[in-house]
Amino acid sequence: MNKITVKPTAAPLNLSAGKLSHGTFWLGLVGAAMCVIWLLVAIFGPWLAPHPVGEVVSDNVFDSISALYPFGTDYLGRDMLSRVLIGARFTVGLALVAAVLASGLGTGCALLSVVSPKWLDEVISRLMDAFISIPSKMLALIMVSAFGSSVTLLICTAVLSYTPGAFRVARSMAVNIEALEYVQVARTRGERRLYIACMEILPNMLNPVLTDLGLRFGYIVLLLSGMSFLGLGVQPPDADLGSLVRENIGGLNQGAPAIVIPALAIGTLTIGVNLLIDQLSSLRSRRSGGH
């Protein structure tokens, strides 16, 4: 009998996936560039500002863009370029400090909860559930009405609002890692709980925690900007980007740069962070899929 030979066919190339990953890479690069630019502005902006933050430099309010005032002037005739450069430090700085504290506190409580006895795990989890049930803006309004507005209070409010979310994300990962064999081997060796939490569990959940940190940063930027828009954030003569939008709201019907540019600044900052996080998440997914 003649043998029938069947030649194996090559797997079809997934061209759409390649195009998608290539496009995602460039979007991630754009997001990283936006984040770096705003970080540099937050660090060096006050030294680059051509005028002091509260100096009135023009008799024309809501002046248009010109060579002398690249971002125009605000409702008092102050230079908007100077105010954006200085205000970015408050927006980026406060959000970054609050995001690091919220993520660190949430992750620390999650590790403590996983390696502790059952009763302590229940106490910590129920406490976090109580805080996460309060909307962040409502909690911020309660805090400000009770204690007044200050930079320290804004940071504390953001930390209290977003620590429970960071805790839930970190705990869900820590519970899965804690059940793995190498953690059980460490327990069998008689390792202490602190060692297991810091040396066995934390390193294997660090990348997702950093991704969640970026998400918290974006949320806190929007929270602080919203509080400043309501007049409960950074107080005059200082201003963050949200304050710049609120105080120049009178120029909205004129399309004044004084209100458009701070709004664009908030948008580019949050979009850049989201694009960068999406790229990091896709890289981590491809690496885990490859293994």
C-alpha atoms as a PDB file:
ATOM      1  CA  MET A   1       0.000   0.000   0.000  1.00  0.00           C
ATOM      2  CA  ASN A   2       1.091   3.502  -0.680  1.00  0.00           C
ATOM      3  CA  LYS A   3       1.674   5.505   2.435  1.00  0.00           C
ATOM      4  CA  ILE A   4      -0.042   8.821   2.649  1.00  0.00           C
ATOM      5  CA  THR A   5       2.251  11.431   4.091  1.00  0.00           C
ATOM      6  CA  VAL A   6       0.657  14.378   5.728  1.00  0.00           C
ATOM      7  CA  LYS A   7       2.923  17.381   5.951  1.00  0.00           C
ATOM      8  CA  PRO A   8       2.459  19.473   9.041  1.00  0.00           C
ATOM      9  CA  THR A   9       1.256  22.924   8.292  1.00  0.00           C
ATOM     10  CA  ALA A  10       2.897  25.892   9.872  1.00  0.00           C
ATOM     11  CA  ALA A  11       0.907  27.765  12.452  1.00  0.00           C
ATOM     12  CA  PRO A  12      -0.577  30.946  11.034  1.00  0.00           C
ATOM     13  CA  LEU A  13       1.177  34.114  11.996  1.00  0.00           C
ATOM     14  CA  ASN A  14      -0.820  36.336  14.286  1.00  0.00           C
ATOM     15  CA  LEU A  15      -0.056  39.603  12.551  1.00  0.00           C
ATOM     16  CA  SER A  16      -2.721  41.496  14.445  1.00  0.00           C
ATOM     17  CA  ALA A  17      -1.135  40.552  17.784  1.00  0.00           C
ATOM     18  CA  GLY A  18       2.239  41.789  16.581  1.00  0.00           C
ATOM     19  CA  LYS A  19       0.748  45.064  15.429  1.00  0.00           C
ATOM     20  CA  LEU A  20      -1.126  45.384  18.702  1.00  0.00           C
ATOM     21  CA  SER A  21       1.963  44.781  20.837  1.00  0.00           C
ATOM     22  CA  HIS A  22       3.974  47.188  18.676  1.00  0.00           C
ATOM     23  CA  GLY A  23       1.308  49.858  19.085  1.00  0.00           C
ATOM     24  CA  THR A  24       1.087  49.183  22.813  1.00  0.00           C
ATOM     25  CA  PHE A  25       4.857  49.638  23.085  1.00  0.00           C
ATOM     26  CA  TRP A  26       4.709  53.077  21.489  1.00  0.00           C
ATOM     27  CA  LEU A  27       1.763  54.086  23.642  1.00  0.00           C
ATOM     28  CA  GLY A  28       3.711  52.984  26.702  1.00  0.00           C
ATOM     29  CA  LEU A  29       6.693  55.013  25.487  1.00  0.00           C
ATOM     30  CA  VAL A  30       4.480  58.079  25.088  1.00  0.00           C
ATOM     31  CA  GLY A  31       3.090  57.531  28.591  1.00  0.00           C
ATOM     32  CA  ALA A  32       6.589  57.199  30.046  1.00  0.00           C
ATOM     33  CA  ALA A  33       7.654  60.422  28.301  1.00  0.00           C
ATOM     34  CA  MET A  34       4.636  62.273  29.736  1.00  0.00           C
ATOM     35  CA  CYS A  35       5.386  60.996  33.241  1.00  0.00           C
ATOM     36  CA  VAL A  36       9.067  61.953  33.025  1.00  0.00           C
ATOM     37  CA  ILE A  37       8.210  65.431  31.721  1.00  0.00           C
ATOM     38  CA  TRP A  38       5.789  66.116  34.561  1.00  0.00           C
ATOM     39  CA  LEU A  39       8.209  64.708  37.122  1.00  0.00           C
ATOM     40  CA  LEU A  40      10.919  67.067  35.841  1.00  0.00           C
ATOM     41  CA  VAL A  41       8.451  69.965  35.885  1.00  0.00           C
ATOM     42  CA  ALA A  42       7.541  69.154  39.498  1.00  0.00           C
ATOM     43  CA  ILE A  43      11.213  69.067  40.500  1.00  0.00           C
ATOM     44  CA  PHE A  44      12.613  72.014  38.549  1.00  0.00           C
ATOM     45  CA  GLY A  45       9.460  74.056  37.831  1.00  0.00           C
ATOM     46  CA  PRO A  46       9.831  76.600  40.665  1.00  0.00           C
ATOM     47  CA  TRP A  47      13.344  77.469  39.465  1.00  0.00           C
ATOM     48  CA  LEU A  48      12.220  77.716  35.835  1.00  0.00           C
ATOM     49  CA  ALA A  49       9.228  79.954  36.560  1.00  0.00           C
ATOM     50  CA  PRO A  50       9.867  83.441  35.140  1.00  0.00           C
ATOM     51  CA  HIS A  51       7.752  85.183  37.828  1.00  0.00           C
ATOM     52  CA  PRO A  52       6.832  84.596  41.487  1.00  0.00           C
ATOM     53  CA  VAL A  53       3.633  82.635  41.971  1.00  0.00           C
ATOM     54  CA  GLY A  54       1.489  85.578  43.115  1.00  0.00           C
ATOM     55  CA  GLU A  55       2.979  88.454  41.124  1.00  0.00           C
ATOM     56  CA  VAL A  56       0.595  90.451  38.918  1.00  0.00           C
ATOM     57  CA  VAL A  57       2.481  90.998  35.662  1.00  0.00           C
ATOM     58  CA  SER A  58      -0.185  92.359  33.305  1.00  0.00           C
ATOM     59  CA  ASP A  59      -3.153  94.716  33.368  1.00  0.00           C
ATOM     60  CA  ASN A  60      -5.007  92.394  30.980  1.00  0.00           C
ATOM     61  CA  VAL A  61      -6.865  89.510  32.604  1.00  0.00           C
ATOM     62  CA  PHE A  62      -7.341  86.243  30.705  1.00  0.00           C
ATOM     63  CA  ASP A  63      -4.788  87.428  28.172  1.00  0.00           C
ATOM     64  CA  SER A  64      -4.191  85.159  25.189  1.00  0.00           C
ATOM     65  CA  ILE A  65      -1.009  83.252  24.408  1.00  0.00           C
ATOM     66  CA  SER A  66       1.888  85.506  23.412  1.00  0.00           C
ATOM     67  CA  ALA A  67       5.669  85.530  23.294  1.00  0.00           C
ATOM     68  CA  LEU A  68       5.767  87.399  26.612  1.00  0.00           C
ATOM     69  CA  TYR A  69       3.211  85.123  28.313  1.00  0.00           C
ATOM     70  CA  PRO A  70       3.321  81.686  26.622  1.00  0.00           C
ATOM     71  CA  PHE A  71       0.345  80.406  28.646  1.00  0.00           C
ATOM     72  CA  GLY A  72      -1.475  83.735  28.861  1.00  0.00           C
ATOM     73  CA  THR A  73      -2.537  85.407  32.108  1.00  0.00           C
ATOM     74  CA  ASP A  74      -5.102  84.472  34.737  1.00  0.00           C
ATOM     75  CA  TYR A  75      -8.086  86.299  36.227  1.00  0.00           C
ATOM     76  CA  LEU A  76      -5.794  88.707  38.096  1.00  0.00           C
ATOM     77  CA  GLY A  77      -3.236  89.211  35.367  1.00  0.00           C
ATOM     78  CA  ARG A  78      -0.668  86.751  36.751  1.00  0.00           C
ATOM     79  CA  ASP A  79       1.594  84.734  34.463  1.00  0.00           C
ATOM     80  CA  MET A  80       0.020  81.308  33.901  1.00  0.00           C
ATOM     81  CA  LEU A  81       3.300  79.664  32.858  1.00  0.00           C
ATOM     82  CA  SER A  82       4.778  80.471  36.265  1.00  0.00           C
ATOM     83  CA  ARG A  83       1.686  79.271  38.095  1.00  0.00           C
ATOM     84  CA  VAL A  84       1.542  75.979  36.171  1.00  0.00           C
ATOM     85  CA  LEU A  85       5.255  75.323  36.735  1.00  0.00           C
ATOM     86  CA  ILE A  86       4.899  75.961  40.458  1.00  0.00           C
ATOM     87  CA  GLY A  87       1.476  74.337  40.839  1.00  0.00           C
ATOM     88  CA  ALA A  88       2.663  71.087  39.247  1.00  0.00           C
ATOM     89  CA  ARG A  89       4.903  70.518  42.264  1.00  0.00           C
ATOM     90  CA  PHE A  90       1.865  70.387  44.551  1.00  0.00           C
ATOM     91  CA  THR A  91      -0.152  68.125  42.243  1.00  0.00           C
ATOM     92  CA  VAL A  92       2.625  65.643  41.474  1.00  0.00           C
ATOM     93  CA  GLY A  93       4.348  65.860  44.856  1.00  0.00           C
ATOM     94  CA  LEU A  94       1.267  65.439  47.034  1.00  0.00           C
ATOM     95  CA  ALA A  95      -0.130  62.647  44.852  1.00  0.00           C
ATOM     96  CA  LEU A  96       3.202  60.795  44.787  1.00  0.00           C
ATOM     97  CA  VAL A  97       3.709  60.999  48.556  1.00  0.00           C
ATOM     98  CA  ALA A  98       0.124  59.942  49.255  1.00  0.00           C
ATOM     99  CA  ALA A  99       0.266  57.076  46.718  1.00  0.00           C
ATOM    100  CA  VAL A 100       3.530  55.705  48.167  1.00  0.00           C
ATOM    101  CA  LEU A 101       2.164  55.909  51.717  1.00  0.00           C
ATOM    102  CA  ALA A 102      -1.179  54.331  50.776  1.00  0.00           C
ATOM    103  CA  SER A 103       0.428  51.510  48.803  1.00  0.00           C
ATOM    104  CA  GLY A 104       3.090  50.888  51.440  1.00  0.00           C
ATOM    105  CA  LEU A 105       0.607  50.887  54.305  1.00  0.00           C
ATOM    106  CA  GLY A 106      -1.866  48.705  52.435  1.00  0.00           C
ATOM    107  CA  THR A 107       0.812  46.203  51.415  1.00  0.00           C
ATOM    108  CA  GLY A 108       2.257  46.115  54.935  1.00  0.00           C
ATOM    109  CA  CYS A 109      -1.157  45.464  56.467  1.00  0.00           C
ATOM    110  CA  ALA A 110      -1.821  42.766  53.854  1.00  0.00           C
ATOM    111  CA  LEU A 111       1.415  40.940  54.693  1.00  0.00           C
ATOM    112  CA  LEU A 112       0.691  41.246  58.399  1.00  0.00           C
ATOM    113  CA  SER A 113      -2.815  39.924  57.848  1.00  0.00           C
ATOM    114  CA  VAL A 114      -1.663  36.874  55.863  1.00  0.00           C
ATOM    115  CA  VAL A 115       1.051  35.707  58.283  1.00  0.00           C
ATOM    116  CA  SER A 116      -0.924  36.498  61.468  1.00  0.00           C
ATOM    117  CA  PRO A 117      -3.438  34.358  63.353  1.00  0.00           C
ATOM    118  CA  LYS A 118      -6.953  34.132  61.970  1.00  0.00           C
ATOM    119  CA  TRP A 119      -8.481  36.537  64.498  1.00  0.00           C
ATOM    120  CA  LEU A 120      -6.036  39.336  63.638  1.00  0.00           C
ATOM    121  CA  ASP A 121      -6.611  38.756  59.926  1.00  0.00           C
ATOM    122  CA  GLU A 122     -10.351  39.174  60.505  1.00  0.00           C
ATOM    123  CA  VAL A 123      -9.884  42.379  62.511  1.00  0.00           C
ATOM    124  CA  ILE A 124      -7.645  43.998  59.873  1.00  0.00           C
ATOM    125  CA  SER A 125      -9.862  42.878  56.983  1.00  0.00           C
ATOM    126  CA  ARG A 126     -13.075  44.144  58.580  1.00  0.00           C
ATOM    127  CA  LEU A 127     -11.431  47.476  59.434  1.00  0.00           C
ATOM    128  CA  MET A 128     -10.338  47.910  55.828  1.00  0.00           C
ATOM    129  CA  ASP A 129     -13.819  46.941  54.618  1.00  0.00           C
ATOM    130  CA  ALA A 130     -15.273  49.685  56.806  1.00  0.00           C
ATOM    131  CA  PHE A 131     -12.947  52.323  55.306  1.00  0.00           C
ATOM    132  CA  ILE A 132     -13.397  51.174  51.713  1.00  0.00           C
ATOM    133  CA  SER A 133     -17.184  51.489  52.039  1.00  0.00           C
ATOM    134  CA  ILE A 134     -16.809  55.289  52.456  1.00  0.00           C
ATOM    135  CA  PRO A 135     -16.509  57.144  49.110  1.00  0.00           C
ATOM    136  CA  SER A 136     -13.178  58.938  48.854  1.00  0.00           C
ATOM    137  CA  LYS A 137     -14.629  62.380  48.143  1.00  0.00           C
ATOM    138  CA  MET A 138     -17.142  62.060  50.992  1.00  0.00           C
ATOM    139  CA  LEU A 139     -14.332  61.109  53.383  1.00  0.00           C
ATOM    140  CA  ALA A 140     -12.281  64.069  52.118  1.00  0.00           C
ATOM    141  CA  LEU A 141     -15.190  66.464  52.681  1.00  0.00           C
ATOM    142  CA  ILE A 142     -15.712  65.138  56.215  1.00  0.00           C
ATOM    143  CA  MET A 143     -12.002  65.484  57.037  1.00  0.00           C
ATOM    144  CA  VAL A 144     -11.729  69.018  55.655  1.00  0.00           C
ATOM    145  CA  SER A 145     -14.920  70.212  57.364  1.00  0.00           C
ATOM    146  CA  ALA A 146     -13.719  68.765  60.676  1.00  0.00           C
ATOM    147  CA  PHE A 147     -10.062  69.803  60.670  1.00  0.00           C
ATOM    148  CA  GLY A 148      -9.710  72.492  57.982  1.00  0.00           C
ATOM    149  CA  SER A 149      -7.696  72.370  54.782  1.00  0.00           C
ATOM    150  CA  SER A 150      -3.916  71.911  54.815  1.00  0.00           C
ATOM    151  CA  VAL A 151      -1.305  70.041  52.821  1.00  0.00           C
ATOM    152  CA  THR A 152      -0.813  67.504  55.622  1.00  0.00           C
ATOM    153  CA  LEU A 153      -4.551  66.888  55.879  1.00  0.00           C
ATOM    154  CA  LEU A 154      -4.864  66.381  52.119  1.00  0.00           C
ATOM    155  CA  ILE A 155      -2.137  63.720  52.216  1.00  0.00           C
ATOM    156  CA  CYS A 156      -3.729  61.986  55.228  1.00  0.00           C
ATOM    157  CA  THR A 157      -7.143  62.037  53.539  1.00  0.00           C
ATOM    158  CA  ALA A 158      -5.779  60.503  50.343  1.00  0.00           C
ATOM    159  CA  VAL A 159      -3.901  57.847  52.324  1.00  0.00           C
ATOM    160  CA  LEU A 160      -7.020  56.893  54.314  1.00  0.00           C
ATOM    161  CA  SER A 161      -9.103  56.790  51.135  1.00  0.00           C
ATOM    162  CA  TYR A 162      -6.816  54.543  49.072  1.00  0.00           C
ATOM    163  CA  THR A 163      -5.056  52.334  51.624  1.00  0.00           C
ATOM    164  CA  PRO A 164      -8.014  49.876  51.806  1.00  0.00           C
ATOM    165  CA  GLY A 165      -7.948  49.347  48.035  1.00  0.00           C
ATOM    166  CA  ALA A 166      -4.200  48.733  48.075  1.00  0.00           C
ATOM    167  CA  PHE A 167      -4.722  46.340  50.998  1.00  0.00           C
ATOM    168  CA  ARG A 168      -7.304  44.255  49.141  1.00  0.00           C
ATOM    169  CA  VAL A 169      -5.144  43.976  46.011  1.00  0.00           C
ATOM    170  CA  ALA A 170      -2.020  43.064  48.004  1.00  0.00           C
ATOM    171  CA  ARG A 171      -3.843  40.614  50.279  1.00  0.00           C
ATOM    172  CA  SER A 172      -5.384  38.720  47.366  1.00  0.00           C
ATOM    173  CA  MET A 173      -1.904  38.164  45.918  1.00  0.00           C
ATOM    174  CA  ALA A 174      -0.311  37.410  49.285  1.00  0.00           C
ATOM    175  CA  VAL A 175      -2.930  34.750  50.093  1.00  0.00           C
ATOM    176  CA  ASN A 176      -2.194  32.933  46.829  1.00  0.00           C
ATOM    177  CA  ILE A 177       1.579  33.134  47.328  1.00  0.00           C
ATOM    178  CA  GLU A 178       1.334  32.062  50.969  1.00  0.00           C
ATOM    179  CA  ALA A 179      -0.240  28.754  49.882  1.00  0.00           C
ATOM    180  CA  LEU A 180       2.678  27.855  47.575  1.00  0.00           C
ATOM    181  CA  GLU A 181       5.146  25.128  48.450  1.00  0.00           C
ATOM    182  CA  TYR A 182       8.252  27.237  49.033  1.00  0.00           C
ATOM    183  CA  VAL A 183       6.417  29.304  51.647  1.00  0.00           C
ATOM    184  CA  GLN A 184       5.273  26.132  53.395  1.00  0.00           C
ATOM    185  CA  VAL A 185       8.872  24.867  53.319  1.00  0.00           C
ATOM    186  CA  ALA A 186       9.989  28.099  54.988  1.00  0.00           C
ATOM    187  CA  ARG A 187       7.377  27.568  57.686  1.00  0.00           C
ATOM    188  CA  THR A 188       8.585  24.018  58.167  1.00  0.00           C
ATOM    189  CA  ARG A 189      12.162  25.282  58.576  1.00  0.00           C
ATOM    190  CA  GLY A 190      10.908  27.369  61.458  1.00  0.00           C
ATOM    191  CA  GLU A 191      11.358  30.768  59.821  1.00  0.00           C
ATOM    192  CA  ARG A 192       9.776  33.711  61.595  1.00  0.00           C
ATOM    193  CA  ARG A 193       6.672  35.430  60.270  1.00  0.00           C
ATOM    194  CA  LEU A 194       8.560  38.632  59.464  1.00  0.00           C
ATOM    195  CA  TYR A 195      11.074  36.687  57.377  1.00  0.00           C
ATOM    196  CA  ILE A 196       8.327  34.852  55.494  1.00  0.00           C
ATOM    197  CA  ALA A 197       6.461  38.084  54.782  1.00  0.00           C
ATOM    198  CA  CYS A 198       9.481  40.146  53.681  1.00  0.00           C
ATOM    199  CA  MET A 199      11.692  37.517  52.026  1.00  0.00           C
ATOM    200  CA  GLU A 200       9.299  34.902  50.658  1.00  0.00           C
ATOM    201  CA  ILE A 201       6.006  36.657  49.867  1.00  0.00           C
ATOM    202  CA  LEU A 202       6.809  40.316  49.173  1.00  0.00           C
ATOM    203  CA  PRO A 203       9.454  39.835  46.416  1.00  0.00           C
ATOM    204  CA  ASN A 204       7.033  37.665  44.427  1.00  0.00           C
ATOM    205  CA  MET A 205       4.248  40.242  44.490  1.00  0.00           C
ATOM    206  CA  LEU A 206       6.367  43.364  43.993  1.00  0.00           C
ATOM    207  CA  ASN A 207       5.579  43.975  40.304  1.00  0.00           C
ATOM    208  CA  PRO A 208       1.777  43.911  40.727  1.00  0.00           C
ATOM    209  CA  VAL A 209       2.135  46.127  43.810  1.00  0.00           C
ATOM    210  CA  LEU A 210       4.127  48.687  41.802  1.00  0.00           C
ATOM    211  CA  THR A 211       1.499  48.606  39.063  1.00  0.00           C
ATOM    212  CA  ASP A 212      -1.201  49.217  41.653  1.00  0.00           C
ATOM    213  CA  LEU A 213       0.909  52.082  43.026  1.00  0.00           C
ATOM    214  CA  GLY A 214       0.740  53.768  39.636  1.00  0.00           C
ATOM    215  CA  LEU A 215      -3.027  53.379  39.555  1.00  0.00           C
ATOM    216  CA  ARG A 216      -3.326  54.862  43.046  1.00  0.00           C
ATOM    217  CA  PHE A 217      -1.236  57.821  41.899  1.00  0.00           C
ATOM    218  CA  GLY A 218      -3.660  58.566  39.070  1.00  0.00           C
ATOM    219  CA  TYR A 219      -6.679  58.257  41.371  1.00  0.00           C
ATOM    220  CA  ILE A 220      -5.122  60.567  43.957  1.00  0.00           C
ATOM    221  CA  VAL A 221      -4.279  63.186  41.307  1.00  0.00           C
ATOM    222  CA  LEU A 222      -7.959  63.282  40.358  1.00  0.00           C
ATOM    223  CA  LEU A 223      -9.073  63.339  44.014  1.00  0.00           C
ATOM    224  CA  LEU A 224      -6.771  66.228  44.958  1.00  0.00           C
ATOM    225  CA  SER A 225      -7.665  68.128  41.781  1.00  0.00           C
ATOM    226  CA  GLY A 226     -11.355  67.675  42.537  1.00  0.00           C
ATOM    227  CA  MET A 227     -10.868  68.903  46.105  1.00  0.00           C
ATOM    228  CA  SER A 228      -8.961  71.944  44.863  1.00  0.00           C
ATOM    229  CA  PHE A 229     -11.682  72.632  42.294  1.00  0.00           C
ATOM    230  CA  LEU A 230     -14.163  72.775  45.184  1.00  0.00           C
ATOM    231  CA  GLY A 231     -11.869  75.205  47.027  1.00  0.00           C
ATOM    232  CA  LEU A 232     -10.911  72.637  49.676  1.00  0.00           C
ATOM    233  CA  GLY A 233      -7.437  71.747  48.427  1.00  0.00           C
ATOM    234  CA  VAL A 234      -4.244  73.782  48.308  1.00  0.00           C
ATOM    235  CA  GLN A 235      -5.029  77.280  49.547  1.00  0.00           C
ATOM    236  CA  PRO A 236      -3.962  80.667  48.043  1.00  0.00           C
ATOM    237  CA  PRO A 237      -1.487  82.097  47.298  1.00  0.00           C
ATOM    238  CA  ASP A 238      -0.247  78.578  46.505  1.00  0.00           C
ATOM    239  CA  ALA A 239      -2.129  76.572  43.915  1.00  0.00           C
ATOM    240  CA  ASP A 240      -2.131  73.153  42.313  1.00  0.00           C
ATOM    241  CA  LEU A 241      -3.493  72.339  38.873  1.00  0.00           C
ATOM    242  CA  GLY A 242      -7.020  71.811  40.195  1.00  0.00           C
ATOM    243  CA  SER A 243      -6.951  75.201  41.908  1.00  0.00           C
ATOM    244  CA  LEU A 244      -5.851  76.851  38.664  1.00  0.00           C
ATOM    245  CA  VAL A 245      -8.910  75.434  36.907  1.00  0.00           C
ATOM    246  CA  ARG A 246     -11.283  76.580  39.663  1.00  0.00           C
ATOM    247  CA  GLU A 247      -9.988  80.124  40.052  1.00  0.00           C
ATOM    248  CA  ASN A 248     -10.055  80.785  36.295  1.00  0.00           C
ATOM    249  CA  ILE A 249     -13.505  79.322  35.672  1.00  0.00           C
ATOM    250  CA  GLY A 250     -14.701  82.805  34.720  1.00  0.00           C
ATOM    251  CA  GLY A 251     -12.668  82.607  31.516  1.00  0.00           C
ATOM    252  CA  LEU A 252     -14.473  79.487  30.309  1.00  0.00           C
ATOM    253  CA  ASN A 253     -16.863  81.370  28.030  1.00  0.00           C
ATOM    254  CA  GLN A 254     -13.857  83.146  26.466  1.00  0.00           C
ATOM    255  CA  GLY A 255     -11.850  79.980  25.903  1.00  0.00           C
ATOM    256  CA  ALA A 256      -9.043  81.531  27.936  1.00  0.00           C
ATOM    257  CA  PRO A 257      -5.747  79.598  28.066  1.00  0.00           C
ATOM    258  CA  ALA A 258      -5.783  80.152  31.838  1.00  0.00           C
ATOM    259  CA  ILE A 259      -8.464  77.470  32.224  1.00  0.00           C
ATOM    260  CA  VAL A 260      -7.676  75.257  29.228  1.00  0.00           C
ATOM    261  CA  ILE A 261      -3.983  74.705  29.990  1.00  0.00           C
ATOM    262  CA  PRO A 262      -4.346  73.481  33.632  1.00  0.00           C
ATOM    263  CA  ALA A 263      -7.126  71.124  32.519  1.00  0.00           C
ATOM    264  CA  LEU A 264      -4.886  69.775  29.741  1.00  0.00           C
ATOM    265  CA  ALA A 265      -2.067  69.404  32.258  1.00  0.00           C
ATOM    266  CA  ILE A 266      -4.223  67.227  34.537  1.00  0.00           C
ATOM    267  CA  GLY A 267      -5.372  65.209  31.518  1.00  0.00           C
ATOM    268  CA  THR A 268      -1.875  64.574  30.140  1.00  0.00           C
ATOM    269  CA  LEU A 269      -0.581  63.591  33.578  1.00  0.00           C
ATOM    270  CA  THR A 270      -3.311  61.023  34.250  1.00  0.00           C
ATOM    271  CA  ILE A 271      -3.287  59.698  30.665  1.00  0.00           C
ATOM    272  CA  GLY A 272       0.492  59.331  30.742  1.00  0.00           C
ATOM    273  CA  VAL A 273       0.363  57.353  33.988  1.00  0.00           C
ATOM    274  CA  ASN A 274      -2.377  55.067  32.630  1.00  0.00           C
ATOM    275  CA  LEU A 275      -0.509  54.414  29.362  1.00  0.00           C
ATOM    276  CA  LEU A 276       2.670  53.557  31.261  1.00  0.00           C
ATOM    277  CA  ILE A 277       0.824  51.229  33.630  1.00  0.00           C
ATOM    278  CA  ASP A 278      -0.902  49.457  30.731  1.00  0.00           C
ATOM    279  CA  GLN A 279       2.470  48.857  29.087  1.00  0.00           C
ATOM    280  CA  LEU A 280       4.008  47.515  32.301  1.00  0.00           C
ATOM    281  CA  SER A 281       1.002  45.250  32.851  1.00  0.00           C
ATOM    282  CA  SER A 282       1.203  43.852  29.317  1.00  0.00           C
ATOM    283  CA  LEU A 283       4.953  43.236  29.698  1.00  0.00           C
ATOM    284  CA  ARG A 284       4.352  41.341  32.911  1.00  0.00           C
ATOM    285  CA  SER A 285       1.559  39.297  31.279  1.00  0.00           C
ATOM    286  CA  ARG A 286       3.808  38.331  28.346  1.00  0.00           C
ATOM    287  CA  ARG A 287       6.616  37.316  30.679  1.00  0.00           C
ATOM    288  CA  SER A 288       4.322  35.159  32.813  1.00  0.00           C
ATOM    289  CA  GLY A 289       2.802  33.656  29.674  1.00  0.00           C
ATOM    290  CA  GLY A 290       6.256  32.859  28.324  1.00  0.00           C
ATOM    291  CA  HIS A 291       7.122  30.917  31.455  1.00  0.00           C
END
